[in-house]
Protein backbone atom coordinates (compact mmCIF):
# COMPACT_ATOMS: atom_id res chain seq x y z
CA MET A 1 32.99 32.32 16.04
CA THR A 2 33.92 35.97 16.08
CA ASN A 3 36.16 37.68 13.55
CA GLN A 4 38.61 38.49 16.36
CA PHE A 5 39.08 34.80 17.14
CA LEU A 6 39.23 33.73 13.51
CA ARG A 7 41.97 36.19 12.67
CA ARG A 8 44.31 34.74 15.29
CA THR A 9 44.69 31.43 13.50
CA ALA A 10 43.74 29.40 10.46
CA VAL A 11 40.57 27.47 11.14
CA LEU A 12 38.50 24.52 10.04
CA ALA A 13 34.75 24.80 10.47
CA VAL A 14 32.77 21.56 10.58
CA ALA A 15 29.07 21.22 9.83
CA THR A 16 26.71 18.34 9.23
CA VAL A 17 25.63 19.58 5.85
CA ALA A 18 22.86 17.01 5.63
CA VAL A 19 20.93 19.16 8.07
CA GLY A 20 22.88 22.41 7.68
CA VAL A 21 23.86 23.09 11.29
CA ALA A 22 27.33 23.55 12.77
CA VAL A 23 27.99 20.69 15.17
CA ALA A 24 30.87 18.40 16.00
CA ALA A 25 29.17 15.23 17.23
CA PRO A 26 26.82 13.49 17.02
CA ALA A 27 26.17 14.13 13.34
CA THR A 28 22.66 13.67 12.07
CA ALA A 29 22.39 11.33 9.12
CA ALA A 30 19.85 12.07 6.43
CA PRO A 31 16.99 9.59 6.97
CA GLY A 32 15.50 7.59 4.13
CA HIS A 33 11.82 7.56 3.24
CA ASN A 34 9.66 6.41 6.14
CA ALA A 35 12.78 5.80 8.23
CA ALA A 36 13.26 7.09 11.76
CA PRO A 37 16.02 9.73 12.15
CA ALA A 38 19.37 8.22 13.08
CA THR A 39 22.48 9.72 14.63
CA THR A 40 26.15 9.01 14.07
CA THR A 41 28.79 9.86 16.66
CA VAL A 42 31.88 11.39 15.06
CA ARG A 43 35.12 12.19 16.85
CA LEU A 44 37.08 15.19 15.57
CA ILE A 45 40.81 14.82 16.25
CA GLY A 46 42.41 18.24 15.87
CA LEU A 47 46.01 19.41 15.70
CA ASN A 48 47.83 22.50 14.52
CA ASP A 49 51.27 24.07 14.22
CA PHE A 50 53.15 20.81 13.73
CA HIS A 51 55.86 22.69 11.79
CA GLY A 52 57.60 19.54 10.57
CA ASN A 53 58.60 18.43 14.08
CA LEU A 54 59.10 14.80 13.16
CA GLU A 55 61.53 14.26 16.02
CA PRO A 56 60.48 14.84 19.66
CA PRO A 57 61.72 18.05 21.29
CA THR A 58 64.52 17.83 23.81
CA GLY A 59 64.57 18.99 27.42
CA SER A 60 61.58 20.25 29.37
CA SER A 61 59.76 21.34 26.20
CA GLY A 62 59.23 17.68 25.42
CA ARG A 63 57.57 16.89 28.76
CA VAL A 64 53.82 17.09 29.36
CA VAL A 65 52.31 17.20 32.84
CA GLN A 66 49.25 14.97 33.09
CA SER A 67 46.17 15.55 35.26
CA ASP A 68 47.51 13.24 37.99
CA GLY A 69 50.74 15.23 38.24
CA THR A 70 52.95 12.72 36.43
CA THR A 71 54.93 13.72 33.35
CA VAL A 72 55.33 11.95 30.03
CA ASP A 73 57.67 12.44 27.08
CA ALA A 74 55.67 13.89 24.20
CA GLY A 75 56.08 15.40 20.77
CA GLY A 76 57.33 14.19 17.45
CA ALA A 77 55.82 11.99 14.76
CA ALA A 78 55.90 8.70 16.69
CA PHE A 79 54.11 10.14 19.74
CA LEU A 80 51.48 11.91 17.63
CA ALA A 81 50.83 8.84 15.47
CA THR A 82 50.37 6.67 18.56
CA HIS A 83 48.01 9.18 20.16
CA VAL A 84 45.90 9.47 17.00
CA ARG A 85 45.76 5.67 16.70
CA GLN A 86 44.55 5.35 20.30
CA LEU A 87 41.86 7.99 19.77
CA ARG A 88 40.69 6.29 16.58
CA ALA A 89 40.47 2.97 18.40
CA GLU A 90 38.04 4.52 20.88
CA GLN A 91 35.75 5.86 18.14
CA ARG A 92 35.66 4.22 14.72
CA ASN A 93 34.08 7.28 13.11
CA SER A 94 36.94 9.76 13.50
CA LEU A 95 38.21 12.62 11.36
CA VAL A 96 41.76 13.98 11.72
CA LEU A 97 41.76 17.73 11.07
CA THR A 98 44.61 20.21 11.21
CA GLY A 99 44.41 23.98 11.49
CA GLY A 100 47.48 24.55 9.32
CA ASP A 101 51.15 25.42 9.76
CA ASN A 102 51.94 21.74 9.28
CA ILE A 103 55.02 22.83 7.36
CA GLY A 104 57.32 25.84 7.30
CA ALA A 105 59.68 27.01 10.06
CA SER A 106 60.61 23.33 10.29
CA PRO A 107 63.63 21.50 11.73
CA LEU A 108 66.28 20.26 9.32
CA ALA A 109 64.89 16.70 9.11
CA SER A 110 61.84 18.09 7.32
CA ALA A 111 63.05 21.40 5.90
CA LEU A 112 65.97 19.78 4.04
CA PHE A 113 63.42 17.96 1.88
CA HIS A 114 61.04 20.93 1.57
CA ASP A 115 58.73 19.35 4.17
CA GLU A 116 57.83 16.39 1.96
CA PRO A 117 58.51 13.95 4.87
CA THR A 118 55.99 15.83 7.02
CA ILE A 119 53.29 15.54 4.37
CA GLU A 120 54.01 11.82 4.06
CA PHE A 121 53.64 11.50 7.83
CA LEU A 122 50.32 13.36 7.80
CA ASN A 123 49.20 11.07 4.98
CA SER A 124 50.15 8.02 7.05
CA ILE A 125 48.01 9.02 10.06
CA GLY A 126 44.97 9.50 7.84
CA THR A 127 44.64 13.28 7.91
CA THR A 128 41.21 14.19 6.58
CA ALA A 129 41.75 17.87 5.74
CA SER A 130 43.87 20.87 6.64
CA ALA A 131 43.38 24.61 6.64
CA VAL A 132 46.02 26.70 4.88
CA GLY A 133 48.15 28.35 7.56
CA ASN A 134 50.44 31.29 6.92
CA HIS A 135 53.50 29.01 6.95
CA GLU A 136 52.03 26.90 4.13
CA LEU A 137 52.81 29.95 1.98
CA ASP A 138 56.38 30.50 3.19
CA GLU A 139 57.72 29.39 -0.21
CA GLY A 140 54.84 30.88 -2.17
CA TYR A 141 51.57 29.82 -3.74
CA LYS A 142 53.16 27.63 -6.44
CA GLU A 143 54.99 25.64 -3.78
CA LEU A 144 51.72 25.14 -1.89
CA LEU A 145 50.24 23.69 -5.09
CA ARG A 146 53.23 21.34 -5.37
CA ILE A 147 52.85 20.28 -1.76
CA GLN A 148 49.19 19.54 -2.46
CA PHE A 149 49.40 17.82 -5.83
CA GLY A 150 52.97 16.51 -5.97
CA GLY A 151 55.95 16.90 -8.27
CA CYS A 152 59.63 17.71 -7.93
CA HIS A 153 60.87 20.94 -6.36
CA PRO A 154 61.75 23.42 -9.15
CA VAL A 155 65.25 24.06 -7.74
CA ASP A 156 66.29 21.00 -5.73
CA GLY A 157 64.35 18.37 -7.66
CA CYS A 158 63.08 15.21 -5.99
CA GLN A 159 65.21 14.20 -3.00
CA PHE A 160 62.85 12.32 -0.72
CA HIS A 161 60.63 10.57 -3.29
CA ASN A 162 60.86 10.56 -7.07
CA PRO A 163 58.36 11.82 -7.80
CA TYR A 164 56.94 13.33 -4.64
CA PRO A 165 53.25 12.20 -4.68
CA GLY A 166 51.63 15.11 -2.81
CA ALA A 167 49.17 15.31 0.06
CA LYS A 168 46.35 12.75 0.17
CA PHE A 169 44.23 15.28 2.06
CA PRO A 170 42.94 18.62 0.76
CA TYR A 171 44.32 21.99 1.83
CA LEU A 172 41.32 24.27 2.35
CA ALA A 173 40.99 28.07 2.39
CA SER A 174 37.59 29.52 1.57
CA ASN A 175 38.83 33.11 1.72
CA ILE A 176 41.79 32.98 -0.70
CA THR A 177 40.86 34.12 -4.20
CA PHE A 178 42.62 35.30 -7.35
CA THR A 179 42.62 39.10 -7.32
CA LYS A 180 41.81 39.51 -11.01
CA THR A 181 38.96 37.02 -11.27
CA GLY A 182 37.67 36.55 -7.73
CA LEU A 183 37.75 32.79 -8.26
CA PRO A 184 38.94 30.46 -5.47
CA ALA A 185 42.71 29.91 -5.42
CA THR A 186 42.35 26.78 -3.24
CA LEU A 187 39.55 24.37 -2.42
CA PRO A 188 37.15 26.17 -0.06
CA PHE A 189 35.68 23.00 1.48
CA THR A 190 35.37 19.25 1.30
CA VAL A 191 32.50 16.92 2.17
CA LYS A 192 33.01 13.57 3.90
CA ILE A 193 30.36 10.89 4.38
CA VAL A 194 30.60 9.15 7.74
CA ASN A 195 28.14 6.34 8.29
CA GLY A 196 25.61 8.09 6.08
CA ALA A 197 26.11 11.57 7.58
CA LYS A 198 27.46 14.18 5.17
CA ILE A 199 29.96 16.35 7.01
CA GLY A 200 31.22 19.58 5.50
CA ILE A 201 34.72 20.76 6.39
CA ILE A 202 35.48 24.39 5.54
CA GLY A 203 38.91 26.00 5.75
CA ALA A 204 39.89 29.63 6.25
CA THR A 205 43.24 31.32 6.70
CA LEU A 206 44.23 34.69 8.14
CA LYS A 207 42.65 37.74 6.53
CA ASP A 208 45.79 39.59 7.63
CA LEU A 209 48.12 36.92 6.20
CA PRO A 210 49.73 39.35 3.69
CA THR A 211 51.28 41.23 6.64
CA ILE A 212 53.29 38.20 7.80
CA VAL A 213 54.44 36.47 4.59
CA SER A 214 56.59 37.49 1.64
CA PRO A 215 54.61 39.66 -0.82
CA ASP A 216 56.27 37.88 -3.76
CA GLY A 217 54.82 34.53 -2.67
CA ILE A 218 51.21 35.71 -2.65
CA GLN A 219 51.22 38.11 -5.59
CA GLY A 220 47.88 38.01 -7.38
CA LEU A 221 46.02 36.59 -4.38
CA SER A 222 43.41 38.24 -2.17
CA PHE A 223 42.48 37.28 1.39
CA GLY A 224 38.88 37.97 2.39
CA ASP A 225 37.00 38.08 5.66
CA GLU A 226 37.15 34.66 7.32
CA ALA A 227 33.67 34.54 8.85
CA ALA A 228 31.99 35.74 5.65
CA ALA A 229 33.88 33.15 3.58
CA ILE A 230 32.96 30.32 5.97
CA ASN A 231 29.29 31.31 5.93
CA ARG A 232 29.32 31.52 2.13
CA SER A 233 30.97 28.11 1.86
CA ARG A 234 28.47 26.55 4.25
CA ARG A 235 25.71 27.34 1.78
CA CYS A 236 27.77 26.01 -1.13
CA CYS A 237 28.88 22.79 0.51
CA SER A 238 25.33 22.07 1.66
CA ALA A 239 24.24 22.14 -1.97
CA SER A 240 27.29 20.16 -3.08
CA ALA A 241 26.72 17.45 -0.50
CA SER A 242 23.36 16.62 -2.02
CA ARG A 243 25.16 15.71 -5.26
CA ARG A 244 28.68 14.46 -4.57
CA ARG A 245 31.82 14.78 -2.47
CA SER A 246 34.21 17.59 -3.37
CA TRP A 247 37.40 15.60 -2.66
């Protein structure tokens, strides 16, 4: 991937870290002693920019034209959950990945509760991991930590759940670091084992993110080059996968 493409959106890079190459499927499982190499087919189900749209859009924006020319109502949590369930049924080894902007700039049904209902929905469909999009930082870094790990909102308290439990999936950004220390401000990657194949999932957000979010919300954070951070994390997660999962 080129830097030009990476800087247009938050991304998730997927690699079979057992063999250290960037592929989607099939994933090569690490063979045992004297065992013939085996392969595992893995389906990657990707989504992005959900923006808390739990309810389907109205009008023509909620209609999708299919390849045969017919149209179907689409959008919203119920449609997305059904679609993900159907895709999973076709391939047991599936990972649900999101490129970020799951929350922020959301309709009232989600925004009123600081997008906690959207995170619960993403939990319910078995989201594996998400990149940190720029809208994940709309309310600042501390709010992103609350969205990830749970707890009551510092101003409005707990309205949807008491306490709000947090995301069951990791938010990943390999290129966000603390300015003073250079240490990661979020998890850079996670490793999942699918039928014996160790699959590394690496997140990256916009290098230019500071130009489109409130400076107060990201004070003390630095945003590095996306491609360099992904390449660096590939080496790290390959080593980590030989020992344990990161999430």
